[in-house]
Protein backbone atom coordinates (compact mmCIF):
# COMPACT_ATOMS: atom_id res chain seq x y z
CA MET A 1 188.92 63.37 8.89
CA LYS A 2 187.47 62.40 11.85
CA LYS A 3 187.93 65.54 14.20
CA THR A 4 184.39 66.08 15.91
CA TRP A 5 184.33 65.96 19.49
CA GLY A 6 188.03 65.27 19.83
CA LEU A 7 187.89 61.31 19.05
CA THR A 8 189.69 59.63 16.37
CA THR A 9 190.16 55.93 15.72
CA SER A 10 193.21 56.60 15.09
CA SER A 11 194.52 58.45 17.32
CA ALA A 12 196.45 56.37 18.39
CA LEU A 13 198.77 56.52 16.24
CA MET A 14 198.38 60.61 15.74
CA LEU A 15 202.22 62.11 16.47
CA THR A 16 203.49 63.41 19.72
CA MET A 17 206.03 65.47 18.42
CA ILE A 18 205.79 68.99 19.38
CA VAL A 19 206.12 71.08 16.65
CA THR A 20 207.47 75.19 16.87
CA ALA A 21 207.47 76.89 13.47
CA CYS A 22 207.32 80.88 12.63
CA SER A 23 205.17 81.58 9.55
CA SER A 24 205.10 83.55 6.75
CA SER A 25 201.98 85.21 7.89
CA ALA A 26 202.45 88.95 8.60
CA PRO A 27 200.22 91.32 10.43
CA ALA A 28 199.43 93.05 6.88
CA GLY A 29 199.00 91.76 3.51
CA GLY A 30 197.09 90.60 0.65
CA ASN A 31 193.34 89.87 0.92
CA ALA A 32 190.49 88.55 -0.64
CA ALA A 33 190.43 91.35 -3.54
CA ASP A 34 194.23 91.22 -3.66
CA ALA A 35 194.01 87.56 -4.63
CA THR A 36 192.33 87.94 -7.74
CA LYS A 37 194.88 90.20 -9.21
CA GLY A 38 198.16 89.43 -9.44
CA SER A 39 200.89 87.96 -7.17
CA THR A 40 200.93 89.58 -3.74
CA SER A 41 204.63 88.81 -3.43
CA LYS A 42 206.83 91.68 -2.78
CA ALA A 43 209.57 89.36 -3.84
CA GLY A 44 211.70 90.33 -6.95
CA ASN A 45 214.61 89.16 -9.05
CA GLY A 46 212.99 85.51 -9.21
CA GLU A 47 212.97 85.07 -4.99
CA VAL A 48 210.62 82.01 -3.98
CA ILE A 49 208.23 82.95 -1.81
CA LYS A 50 207.92 80.82 1.00
CA LEU A 51 204.75 79.92 2.73
CA LYS A 52 203.06 77.47 5.34
CA TRP A 53 200.26 75.10 5.99
CA SER A 54 199.36 72.74 8.84
CA THR A 55 197.24 70.24 9.67
CA TRP A 56 196.63 67.18 12.27
CA GLY A 57 197.03 63.61 11.02
CA ASN A 58 198.35 60.11 11.65
CA PRO A 59 201.62 58.69 10.31
CA GLY A 60 200.14 57.54 6.91
CA GLU A 61 198.41 60.43 6.51
CA LEU A 62 201.12 62.83 7.20
CA LYS A 63 203.13 60.78 4.45
CA ARG A 64 200.99 61.98 1.62
CA PHE A 65 200.49 65.53 2.75
CA TYR A 66 204.70 65.50 2.28
CA GLU A 67 204.67 64.27 -1.24
CA LEU A 68 201.74 66.35 -2.03
CA THR A 69 203.64 69.49 -0.43
CA ASP A 70 206.59 68.44 -2.62
CA GLN A 71 204.93 68.00 -5.81
CA TYR A 72 202.76 71.41 -5.57
CA ASN A 73 206.23 72.80 -5.29
CA LYS A 74 208.18 71.50 -8.06
CA ASP A 75 205.23 72.21 -10.04
CA HIS A 76 205.13 76.02 -8.75
CA PRO A 77 208.94 76.77 -8.70
CA ASN A 78 208.13 80.61 -7.39
CA VAL A 79 206.77 78.97 -4.21
CA LYS A 80 207.85 77.26 -1.73
CA TRP A 81 205.30 75.73 0.80
CA GLU A 82 206.09 73.99 4.11
CA LEU A 83 204.05 71.54 6.13
CA VAL A 84 203.98 72.00 9.42
CA PRO A 85 201.95 69.10 11.17
CA VAL A 86 200.39 70.10 14.87
CA PRO A 87 199.44 66.76 17.16
CA ASN A 88 196.19 66.53 17.01
CA ASP A 89 195.64 66.91 20.78
CA GLY A 90 195.30 70.57 21.49
CA TYR A 91 195.27 71.59 17.84
CA GLU A 92 192.73 74.19 17.81
CA GLU A 93 194.38 75.82 21.05
CA LYS A 94 197.89 75.53 18.86
CA ILE A 95 196.14 77.64 16.15
CA ILE A 96 194.53 80.19 18.04
CA THR A 97 197.32 81.08 20.03
CA GLN A 98 199.34 81.23 16.80
CA LEU A 99 196.80 83.46 14.92
CA GLN A 100 196.66 85.75 18.31
CA GLY A 101 200.33 85.71 17.62
CA GLY A 102 201.06 86.97 14.28
CA THR A 103 202.86 83.61 13.60
CA ALA A 104 200.10 81.23 12.17
CA PRO A 105 200.43 79.49 8.95
CA ASP A 106 199.20 81.02 5.83
CA ALA A 107 196.50 78.25 5.04
CA PHE A 108 195.49 75.59 7.64
CA TYR A 109 192.72 72.82 8.47
CA ALA A 110 189.72 73.69 10.70
CA GLY A 111 187.75 71.40 12.68
CA ASP A 112 183.97 72.08 12.39
CA GLN A 113 184.14 73.47 15.99
CA THR A 114 186.98 75.46 15.22
CA VAL A 115 185.79 77.16 11.83
CA VAL A 116 183.18 78.76 13.62
CA LYS A 117 185.60 80.27 16.34
CA LEU A 118 187.56 81.77 13.32
CA ILE A 119 185.03 82.94 11.49
CA SER A 120 183.00 85.09 14.41
CA ASN A 121 186.72 86.36 15.85
CA GLY A 122 187.55 87.37 11.98
CA SER A 123 190.80 85.30 11.61
CA ILE A 124 190.55 83.39 8.52
CA GLU A 125 189.42 85.08 4.67
CA GLU A 126 186.28 85.10 3.30
CA LEU A 127 186.32 82.46 0.41
CA THR A 128 183.27 82.94 -1.86
CA PRO A 129 184.78 86.04 -4.19
CA LEU A 130 187.52 84.17 -4.91
CA MET A 131 185.73 80.69 -5.73
CA LYS A 132 183.60 82.79 -8.04
CA VAL A 133 186.64 84.13 -10.30
CA GLY A 134 187.06 82.50 -13.56
CA ASN A 135 187.69 79.35 -14.25
CA GLY A 136 189.08 78.54 -10.74
CA PRO A 137 189.40 74.52 -9.90
CA ILE A 138 186.38 74.85 -7.50
CA LYS A 139 183.01 75.94 -7.27
CA ALA A 140 180.71 75.90 -4.55
CA GLU A 141 178.04 73.76 -6.45
CA ASP A 142 180.91 70.84 -6.64
CA PHE A 143 180.45 70.46 -3.34
CA ALA A 144 177.47 68.46 -1.46
CA GLU A 145 175.22 70.81 0.38
CA GLY A 146 175.61 68.88 3.83
CA LEU A 147 179.18 69.08 3.98
CA TRP A 148 179.29 73.19 4.67
CA GLY A 149 178.21 72.88 8.09
CA GLY A 150 179.89 75.62 9.96
CA SER A 151 182.26 76.69 7.47
CA LYS A 152 179.32 78.93 6.24
CA LYS A 153 177.69 82.01 7.40
CA GLY A 154 174.62 82.50 5.32
CA ASP A 155 175.76 82.45 1.90
CA LYS A 156 179.66 83.01 2.72
CA ILE A 157 181.98 80.76 2.75
CA TYR A 158 185.03 80.46 5.05
CA GLY A 159 186.67 77.22 4.49
CA VAL A 160 186.18 74.53 2.26
CA THR A 161 185.97 70.53 3.00
CA VAL A 162 189.11 68.99 2.84
CA ASP A 163 187.35 65.43 1.61
CA CYS A 164 184.61 63.92 4.11
CA ASN A 165 183.55 60.40 5.95
CA PRO A 166 180.10 59.42 5.49
CA LEU A 167 178.95 56.92 8.05
CA VAL A 168 178.05 53.55 6.93
CA MET A 169 177.36 50.17 8.83
CA TYR A 170 180.17 47.61 8.52
CA TYR A 171 179.83 44.22 9.00
CA ASN A 172 182.01 41.17 9.75
CA LYS A 173 180.98 38.08 7.10
CA THR A 174 182.74 35.59 9.28
CA VAL A 175 180.97 36.24 12.55
CA LEU A 176 177.50 36.65 11.24
CA THR A 177 178.26 33.41 9.46
CA GLU A 178 179.41 31.61 12.89
CA ALA A 179 176.70 32.87 14.26
CA GLY A 180 174.46 30.92 12.29
CA ILE A 181 173.24 34.26 10.76
CA THR A 182 171.76 33.42 7.03
CA ASP A 183 170.40 36.79 6.40
CA ASP A 184 172.81 39.19 4.31
CA PRO A 185 172.42 42.58 5.14
CA GLN A 186 172.88 43.73 2.01
CA LYS A 187 170.40 41.82 0.33
CA LEU A 188 168.23 43.24 3.23
CA TYR A 189 169.33 47.10 1.95
CA GLU A 190 167.92 46.39 -1.34
CA SER A 191 164.59 44.47 -0.28
CA GLY A 192 163.86 47.24 2.23
CA GLN A 193 164.27 45.45 4.87
CA TRP A 194 167.25 46.84 6.79
CA ASN A 195 165.70 48.56 9.73
CA TRP A 196 166.20 48.70 13.49
CA LYS A 197 163.75 46.03 14.27
CA LYS A 198 166.28 43.52 11.86
CA LEU A 199 169.31 45.37 13.43
CA GLN A 200 167.86 44.32 17.33
CA GLU A 201 167.25 40.67 15.46
CA LEU A 202 170.98 39.98 14.41
CA THR A 203 172.42 41.58 17.44
CA GLU A 204 170.44 39.27 19.68
CA GLN A 205 171.42 36.16 18.05
CA LEU A 206 175.31 37.40 17.74
CA LYS A 207 174.84 38.22 21.87
CA SER A 208 173.64 34.92 22.16
CA LYS A 209 176.31 33.25 20.40
CA ASN A 210 178.64 35.29 22.84
CA LYS A 211 179.97 37.93 20.39
CA TYR A 212 179.49 41.21 20.39
CA GLY A 213 176.45 42.72 18.28
CA LEU A 214 177.35 46.48 17.75
CA VAL A 215 179.75 48.48 19.65
CA LEU A 216 178.73 52.16 19.53
CA GLU A 217 181.28 55.11 20.16
CA ASP A 218 180.03 58.70 21.92
CA TRP A 219 181.02 61.58 19.42
CA SER A 220 178.77 63.77 17.43
CA SER A 221 178.40 62.15 14.05
CA PRO A 222 177.08 58.89 15.49
CA VAL A 223 175.24 59.87 18.07
CA TYR A 224 172.70 62.17 15.96
CA SER A 225 172.77 59.79 12.96
CA TRP A 226 170.44 57.70 15.47
CA VAL A 227 168.15 60.75 15.41
CA THR A 228 167.72 61.21 11.93
CA LEU A 229 167.31 57.79 11.00
CA ASN A 230 164.44 57.85 12.86
CA GLY A 231 163.29 61.38 11.11
CA GLY A 232 163.71 63.53 14.41
CA LYS A 233 165.55 66.52 15.09
CA ALA A 234 167.79 67.68 17.76
CA TYR A 235 167.75 71.28 17.13
CA ASP A 236 164.71 73.61 15.95
CA LYS A 237 167.25 75.45 13.23
CA PRO A 238 170.16 74.36 12.26
CA GLN A 239 172.12 77.68 11.89
CA ASP A 240 171.20 79.26 15.02
CA GLY A 241 168.43 77.38 16.91
CA LYS A 242 167.96 75.65 20.39
CA PHE A 243 167.92 72.11 21.48
CA ILE A 244 164.48 70.57 21.09
CA GLY A 245 165.71 66.83 21.16
CA ASP A 246 163.56 66.35 24.52
CA GLN A 247 160.32 67.85 22.88
CA ASP A 248 160.80 65.23 19.53
CA PRO A 249 159.00 62.04 19.87
CA LYS A 250 161.26 60.90 17.23
CA THR A 251 164.38 61.86 19.18
CA VAL A 252 163.29 60.47 22.29
CA GLU A 253 162.43 56.81 20.30
CA ALA A 254 165.85 56.80 19.04
CA PHE A 255 167.31 57.36 22.34
CA GLN A 256 165.10 54.73 24.02
CA TYR A 257 166.61 52.16 21.40
CA LEU A 258 169.85 52.71 22.09
CA ALA A 259 169.20 52.55 26.10
CA GLU A 260 166.95 49.49 25.50
CA ASN A 261 169.43 47.33 23.60
CA THR A 262 172.94 48.48 25.75
CA LYS A 263 170.74 47.26 28.46
CA ASN A 264 170.23 43.96 26.89
CA LYS A 265 173.97 43.87 25.47
CA ASN A 266 172.89 43.81 21.95
CA PHE A 267 175.08 46.62 21.49
CA VAL A 268 177.79 47.33 23.54
CA PHE A 269 179.12 51.52 24.71
CA SER A 270 183.28 51.59 23.74
CA GLY A 271 183.40 53.51 26.88
CA SER A 272 182.49 50.18 28.93
CA LEU A 273 185.02 48.12 26.88
CA PRO A 274 188.47 47.10 28.49
CA LYS A 275 191.49 49.60 28.03
CA GLY A 276 192.96 48.94 24.41
CA GLN A 277 189.36 47.37 22.61
CA GLY A 278 188.20 49.27 20.57
CA PRO A 279 185.50 48.78 17.87
CA ASP A 280 188.15 48.46 14.72
CA ALA A 281 190.25 46.28 16.87
CA MET A 282 187.33 44.08 17.68
CA PHE A 283 185.93 43.80 14.02
CA MET A 284 189.23 42.96 13.02
CA SER A 285 189.70 39.99 15.48
CA ASN A 286 185.96 38.73 14.80
CA GLN A 287 184.72 39.65 17.80
CA VAL A 288 181.69 41.79 16.75
CA GLY A 289 179.62 41.93 14.36
CA PHE A 290 178.59 45.43 13.24
CA GLY A 291 180.44 48.66 13.28
CA ILE A 292 179.74 51.91 12.21
CA ALA A 293 182.64 54.22 10.80
CA GLY A 294 183.41 56.20 7.88
CA ARG A 295 186.12 55.25 4.87
CA TRP A 296 188.77 55.37 7.53
CA TRP A 297 188.40 51.56 8.37
CA VAL A 298 188.91 50.63 4.91
CA PRO A 299 193.03 50.89 4.65
CA GLN A 300 193.37 48.52 7.86
CA PHE A 301 190.68 46.15 6.72
CA ASN A 302 192.10 45.66 3.47
CA ALA A 303 195.89 44.89 4.93
CA ASN A 304 193.96 42.39 6.89
CA THR A 305 193.80 39.34 4.06
CA SER A 306 191.67 36.88 6.50
CA LEU A 307 188.86 39.59 7.12
CA LYS A 308 185.74 39.23 5.04
CA TYR A 309 183.73 42.31 5.51
CA ASP A 310 180.96 44.85 3.71
CA ILE A 311 179.08 47.84 4.15
CA VAL A 312 175.79 48.55 3.88
CA PRO A 313 173.59 52.30 4.78
CA LEU A 314 172.74 52.93 8.26
CA PRO A 315 169.67 50.89 9.30
CA THR A 316 166.67 53.51 9.47
CA ASN A 317 163.43 53.08 11.41
CA THR A 318 161.02 55.52 8.82
CA GLY A 319 160.26 53.08 6.18
CA LYS A 320 162.39 54.23 4.35
CA LYS A 321 165.63 52.70 2.43
CA MET A 322 167.75 55.41 3.70
CA GLU A 323 168.01 58.37 5.54
CA PRO A 324 170.38 61.46 6.48
CA ALA A 325 173.14 60.28 8.48
CA GLY A 326 176.32 62.22 9.77
CA ILE A 327 179.53 63.29 7.80
CA PRO A 328 182.82 64.02 10.05
CA THR A 329 184.44 66.84 8.29
CA ALA A 330 187.24 69.32 8.48
CA TYR A 331 188.24 72.22 6.26
CA MET A 332 191.21 74.22 4.47
CA VAL A 333 191.29 77.88 5.52
CA MET A 334 193.05 80.75 4.98
CA ASN A 335 194.62 83.00 7.37
CA LYS A 336 193.28 86.74 6.95
CA LYS A 337 196.72 88.10 7.43
CA THR A 338 198.62 86.03 5.04
CA ALA A 339 201.25 88.35 2.98
CA HIS A 340 200.40 86.38 0.15
CA ALA A 341 196.57 85.65 -0.73
CA LYS A 342 197.19 84.88 -3.83
CA GLU A 343 199.33 81.75 -3.65
CA THR A 344 197.77 80.60 -0.53
CA TYR A 345 194.62 80.44 -2.26
CA GLU A 346 196.11 78.63 -5.29
CA PHE A 347 197.38 75.98 -2.92
CA LEU A 348 194.04 75.88 -0.94
CA SER A 349 192.06 76.00 -4.21
CA TYR A 350 194.38 73.12 -5.56
CA PHE A 351 194.32 71.29 -2.48
CA VAL A 352 190.62 70.51 -2.41
CA SER A 353 190.20 70.67 -6.00
CA LYS A 354 189.59 66.99 -7.99
CA ASP A 355 193.34 66.89 -8.77
CA GLY A 356 194.53 67.53 -5.21
CA GLN A 357 191.68 64.95 -3.77
CA ASN A 358 192.75 62.66 -6.21
CA PHE A 359 196.70 62.80 -5.25
CA ARG A 360 195.63 62.87 -1.33
CA LEU A 361 192.73 59.75 -1.39
CA LYS A 362 194.47 57.11 -3.84
CA GLY A 363 194.10 54.25 -1.61
CA GLY A 364 193.20 56.27 1.33
CA ASN A 365 190.89 56.32 4.02
CA ALA A 366 188.21 59.53 3.13
CA VAL A 367 185.96 59.95 0.61
CA PRO A 368 185.96 63.03 -2.09
CA SER A 369 184.18 65.93 -0.78
CA ILE A 370 184.00 67.17 -4.48
CA SER A 371 182.09 65.35 -7.38
CA GLY A 372 184.02 64.10 -10.25
CA VAL A 373 186.47 61.80 -8.39
CA ASP A 374 184.08 59.52 -7.16
CA ASP A 375 186.35 56.48 -8.62
CA LEU A 376 188.70 57.08 -6.00
CA VAL A 377 186.04 55.02 -3.51
CA LEU A 378 184.59 52.63 -6.70
CA ASP A 379 187.64 50.91 -7.19
CA LYS A 380 186.94 47.41 -8.32
CA ASN A 381 190.37 45.75 -6.94
CA ALA A 382 189.65 47.11 -3.21
CA GLN A 383 186.93 46.18 -0.75
CA PRO A 384 184.23 47.15 0.57
CA ALA A 385 182.55 45.68 -2.30
CA HIS A 386 179.44 47.86 -2.09
CA ALA A 387 181.67 50.97 -1.91
CA GLN A 388 178.88 53.16 -3.84
CA TYR A 389 177.36 53.50 -0.31
CA PHE A 390 179.80 56.06 1.03
CA LEU A 391 179.06 58.21 -2.05
CA ASP A 392 175.36 58.06 -1.67
CA ALA A 393 175.65 58.41 2.04
CA ARG A 394 177.73 61.54 0.98
CA GLU A 395 174.70 62.86 -1.22
CA ILE A 396 172.49 63.00 1.69
CA GLY A 397 174.25 63.59 4.96
CA TYR A 398 175.45 66.43 7.05
CA ALA A 399 177.96 67.79 9.39
CA LEU A 400 177.71 69.36 12.40
CA TRP A 401 175.08 71.77 12.77
CA PRO A 402 176.27 75.33 13.66
CA SER A 403 173.64 75.55 16.10
CA GLU A 404 175.82 73.19 18.38
CA SER A 405 179.36 73.36 16.87
CA ALA A 406 178.76 77.25 17.27
CA VAL A 407 178.77 77.10 21.03
CA PRO A 408 181.40 76.49 23.51
CA GLY A 409 180.74 73.63 25.80
CA ALA A 410 177.70 72.27 23.80
CA SER A 411 178.93 68.95 22.69
CA ASP A 412 180.52 68.22 26.21
CA VAL A 413 176.92 68.44 27.54
CA VAL A 414 175.42 65.94 24.87
CA LYS A 415 178.99 63.56 25.24
CA ASP A 416 178.48 63.53 28.93
CA ASN A 417 174.96 62.71 29.33
CA TYR A 418 175.18 60.45 26.17
CA ASP A 419 177.51 58.39 27.98
CA LEU A 420 175.48 58.20 31.03
CA LEU A 421 172.43 56.67 29.11
CA LEU A 422 174.81 54.42 27.62
CA LEU A 423 176.53 52.97 31.10
CA GLY A 424 172.53 52.57 32.24
CA LYS A 425 172.70 55.05 34.83
CA GLN A 426 169.84 57.51 33.16
CA ASP A 427 166.71 57.07 30.73
CA ALA A 428 166.17 58.50 27.88
CA GLN A 429 164.11 61.07 28.73
CA THR A 430 166.33 62.55 31.93
CA THR A 431 169.18 62.54 29.32
CA LEU A 432 167.41 64.89 26.74
CA LYS A 433 166.29 67.02 29.29
CA LYS A 434 169.40 67.21 30.92
CA ILE A 435 171.03 67.57 27.44
CA SER A 436 168.67 70.29 26.15
CA GLU A 437 169.01 72.34 29.66
CA GLY A 438 172.35 72.46 29.50
CA VAL A 439 173.19 72.98 25.91
CA ASN A 440 170.44 75.73 25.91
CA LYS A 441 171.76 77.25 29.02
CA LYS A 442 175.28 77.69 26.94
CA ILE A 443 173.73 78.99 23.92
CA ASP A 444 171.72 81.81 26.07
CA GLU A 445 175.49 82.95 27.60
CA VAL A 446 176.64 82.92 24.05
CA LYS A 447 173.45 85.13 22.41
CA ALA A 448 174.41 87.18 25.67
CA LYS A 449 177.72 88.31 25.38
CA LYS A 450 176.34 89.43 21.39
């Protein structure tokens, strides 16, 4: 799920419906301790327990979620789950309002910034003790360490990543061939030559043939990927640190590389494109050679039978073949006030388990966050040919650090200044200095309130 900073490739497809619903949650009910015991339901005489869960999603995703909900209800006749979708725009505000009013769903999705807020205000249940009990379908060690992001506070787990979307570099074979490029990014990667210098050379060649080289986007995962691909650091500590990117030579160098290449038009900022022009559409219409995205591009690209493409890990500037890059994540969490903690955790744990992810992600647009179902990504009958790189990136990548996601407005400061960099209105050093001043001011304001 690509939710960070509120920008999604499929945002135009999001539902515009206005959803109103009453939850089965109650002011007082089961908790984590109750959920390790018997049913928390007060229902008797075979009465079915009614529960609700919520998420955002585009129509294709929601279709699969409805199917999963129906199947789960058939397999568990003692409960009847209802999916209550909420539009992406305003999702967090809707959920927080429902939590405050006692009408929130029993389980629901939370983005990387939302989950931190809900942990802080005590709205969601700690899941650590539930995950440790018996032979449950999920254990903490089943998930890559970098995916937890803000869903963990110390050793305590409050949300489980539903799936993930490690960033990779897509390349359009047709565009590269038409530009006279004979270098294959895949072979360059295997030989250890897939680096920033080579990317700049190839995008310069594409520009000379009146093609776009690479479209840059301004949300957290790609922004910080450029930093870590260069061995740089944005924050001194991932959990509760300060922004230090302006003091880190590798971070400064990464921003200078982006500024130089946008100025020379090897790269183009998506925010400067004509309305309706996005990196995915431009890629499919053979206007651009390279694009950065997770697996969410795969379904639409595979549906375009004339499109010839593949993927490769993001290029590095450290001498290593591969470096950690950002991973958009979302988490399934449990309402602390649900009246039916046991049944809610059973649904949550199934949803993120091997079986649940296998059901949801077949032919889908995300990568499993749990180990053991990698075949979903490696289907030999589907493109891209080198899908293994999604899994490789998952193992070393990272969700947005709590140092930023836990601070209201911090990501806005980064985005606003990054936009100015890509528009040529600020140089790299000025951009990072303003980010540091703005973000650290907000961090201090948060600390002062504690």
